[in-house]
Amino acid sequence: MDIERVPNLGPVSAGWLREAGITTLSELELVGAVAAYLAVRQAGHATSLNLLWALAAALAGCRWDSLSSEEKRQLREELAAAER
């Protein structure tokens, strides 16, 4: 599926992912939410954790606002570890 058609991602987020080299849902699945988030940030875009939530939810097949506090905590921990 083309990245522009992935649920939870708006046109701006999809454009950022495309600029970061992630153009399909399959590619997003391969790299994962945290790595995709970091790739977007490394491409020079100002990101917020809402993008991370949207990416994780897209991979889980749910709405971004349905992620639990525990899921968000785990994502923040993964992000912190990846940034070290």
C-alpha atoms as a PDB file:
ATOM      1  CA  MET A   1       0.000   0.000   0.000  1.00  0.00           C
ATOM      2  CA  ASP A   2       1.287   3.433  -0.911  1.00  0.00           C
ATOM      3  CA  ILE A   3       2.253   5.500   2.153  1.00  0.00           C
ATOM      4  CA  GLU A   4      -0.310   8.194   1.268  1.00  0.00           C
ATOM      5  CA  ARG A   5      -3.113   5.653   1.781  1.00  0.00           C
ATOM      6  CA  VAL A   6      -2.003   4.391   5.182  1.00  0.00           C
ATOM      7  CA  PRO A   7      -4.581   5.145   7.899  1.00  0.00           C
ATOM      8  CA  ASN A   8      -3.474   7.625  10.591  1.00  0.00           C
ATOM      9  CA  LEU A   9      -1.094   9.440   8.242  1.00  0.00           C
ATOM     10  CA  GLY A  10      -2.086  12.751   6.758  1.00  0.00           C
ATOM     11  CA  PRO A  11      -0.580  14.245   3.607  1.00  0.00           C
ATOM     12  CA  VAL A  12       2.177  16.085   5.478  1.00  0.00           C
ATOM     13  CA  SER A  13       3.296  13.016   7.432  1.00  0.00           C
ATOM     14  CA  ALA A  14       3.143  10.857   4.311  1.00  0.00           C
ATOM     15  CA  GLY A  15       5.251  13.422   2.453  1.00  0.00           C
ATOM     16  CA  TRP A  16       7.819  13.445   5.243  1.00  0.00           C
ATOM     17  CA  LEU A  17       8.022   9.649   5.153  1.00  0.00           C
ATOM     18  CA  ARG A  18       8.416   9.695   1.397  1.00  0.00           C
ATOM     19  CA  GLU A  19      11.282  12.212   1.728  1.00  0.00           C
ATOM     20  CA  ALA A  20      12.866   9.888   4.300  1.00  0.00           C
ATOM     21  CA  GLY A  21      12.715   7.023   1.785  1.00  0.00           C
ATOM     22  CA  ILE A  22       9.679   5.213   3.178  1.00  0.00           C
ATOM     23  CA  THR A  23       7.135   5.013   0.390  1.00  0.00           C
ATOM     24  CA  THR A  24       4.947   2.011   1.245  1.00  0.00           C
ATOM     25  CA  LEU A  25       3.338   0.343   4.228  1.00  0.00           C
ATOM     26  CA  SER A  26       5.635  -2.637   3.630  1.00  0.00           C
ATOM     27  CA  GLU A  27       8.690  -0.406   3.983  1.00  0.00           C
ATOM     28  CA  LEU A  28       7.248   1.082   7.165  1.00  0.00           C
ATOM     29  CA  GLU A  29       6.715  -2.436   8.510  1.00  0.00           C
ATOM     30  CA  LEU A  30      10.336  -3.307   7.731  1.00  0.00           C
ATOM     31  CA  VAL A  31      11.855  -0.337   9.547  1.00  0.00           C
ATOM     32  CA  GLY A  32       9.318   0.030  12.348  1.00  0.00           C
ATOM     33  CA  ALA A  33       7.697   3.057  13.899  1.00  0.00           C
ATOM     34  CA  VAL A  34      10.682   4.324  15.900  1.00  0.00           C
ATOM     35  CA  ALA A  35      13.183   4.080  13.037  1.00  0.00           C
ATOM     36  CA  ALA A  36      10.711   5.724  10.658  1.00  0.00           C
ATOM     37  CA  TYR A  37      10.146   8.537  13.166  1.00  0.00           C
ATOM     38  CA  LEU A  38      13.890   9.066  13.491  1.00  0.00           C
ATOM     39  CA  ALA A  39      14.334   8.995   9.698  1.00  0.00           C
ATOM     40  CA  VAL A  40      11.751  11.754   9.320  1.00  0.00           C
ATOM     41  CA  ARG A  41      13.462  13.801  12.005  1.00  0.00           C
ATOM     42  CA  GLN A  42      16.875  13.180  10.439  1.00  0.00           C
ATOM     43  CA  ALA A  43      15.461  14.408   7.127  1.00  0.00           C
ATOM     44  CA  GLY A  44      15.071  17.779   8.854  1.00  0.00           C
ATOM     45  CA  HIS A  45      11.419  17.809   9.843  1.00  0.00           C
ATOM     46  CA  ALA A  46      10.190  19.019  13.196  1.00  0.00           C
ATOM     47  CA  THR A  47       8.320  16.071  14.633  1.00  0.00           C
ATOM     48  CA  SER A  48       6.223  15.502  17.694  1.00  0.00           C
ATOM     49  CA  LEU A  49       5.365  12.300  19.488  1.00  0.00           C
ATOM     50  CA  ASN A  50       2.008  12.379  17.708  1.00  0.00           C
ATOM     51  CA  LEU A  51       3.824  11.208  14.580  1.00  0.00           C
ATOM     52  CA  LEU A  52       5.311   8.292  16.512  1.00  0.00           C
ATOM     53  CA  TRP A  53       1.867   7.372  17.825  1.00  0.00           C
ATOM     54  CA  ALA A  54       0.422   7.549  14.291  1.00  0.00           C
ATOM     55  CA  LEU A  55       3.183   5.348  12.884  1.00  0.00           C
ATOM     56  CA  ALA A  56       2.810   2.741  15.630  1.00  0.00           C
ATOM     57  CA  ALA A  57      -0.957   2.720  15.277  1.00  0.00           C
ATOM     58  CA  ALA A  58      -0.711   2.367  11.509  1.00  0.00           C
ATOM     59  CA  LEU A  59       1.417  -0.729  12.026  1.00  0.00           C
ATOM     60  CA  ALA A  60      -1.000  -2.081  14.634  1.00  0.00           C
ATOM     61  CA  GLY A  61      -4.023  -1.406  12.435  1.00  0.00           C
ATOM     62  CA  CYS A  62      -5.762   0.875  14.910  1.00  0.00           C
ATOM     63  CA  ARG A  63      -6.433   4.565  15.395  1.00  0.00           C
ATOM     64  CA  TRP A  64      -3.548   6.556  16.842  1.00  0.00           C
ATOM     65  CA  ASP A  65      -5.653   7.793  19.744  1.00  0.00           C
ATOM     66  CA  SER A  66      -6.458   4.241  20.822  1.00  0.00           C
ATOM     67  CA  LEU A  67      -2.879   3.449  21.855  1.00  0.00           C
ATOM     68  CA  SER A  68      -2.713   2.751  25.561  1.00  0.00           C
ATOM     69  CA  SER A  69      -0.549   4.662  27.995  1.00  0.00           C
ATOM     70  CA  GLU A  70       1.591   1.539  28.314  1.00  0.00           C
ATOM     71  CA  GLU A  71       2.099   1.327  24.529  1.00  0.00           C
ATOM     72  CA  LYS A  72       3.098   4.989  24.432  1.00  0.00           C
ATOM     73  CA  ARG A  73       5.489   4.481  27.351  1.00  0.00           C
ATOM     74  CA  GLN A  74       7.128   1.564  25.533  1.00  0.00           C
ATOM     75  CA  LEU A  75       7.468   3.642  22.377  1.00  0.00           C
ATOM     76  CA  ARG A  76       9.069   6.494  24.334  1.00  0.00           C
ATOM     77  CA  GLU A  77      11.521   4.004  25.859  1.00  0.00           C
ATOM     78  CA  GLU A  78      12.364   2.549  22.433  1.00  0.00           C
ATOM     79  CA  LEU A  79      12.887   6.059  21.102  1.00  0.00           C
ATOM     80  CA  ALA A  80      15.162   7.009  23.996  1.00  0.00           C
ATOM     81  CA  ALA A  81      17.210   3.853  23.500  1.00  0.00           C
ATOM     82  CA  ALA A  82      17.518   4.482  19.758  1.00  0.00           C
ATOM     83  CA  GLU A  83      18.674   8.051  20.382  1.00  0.00           C
ATOM     84  CA  ARG A  84      21.558   6.961  22.624  1.00  0.00           C
END
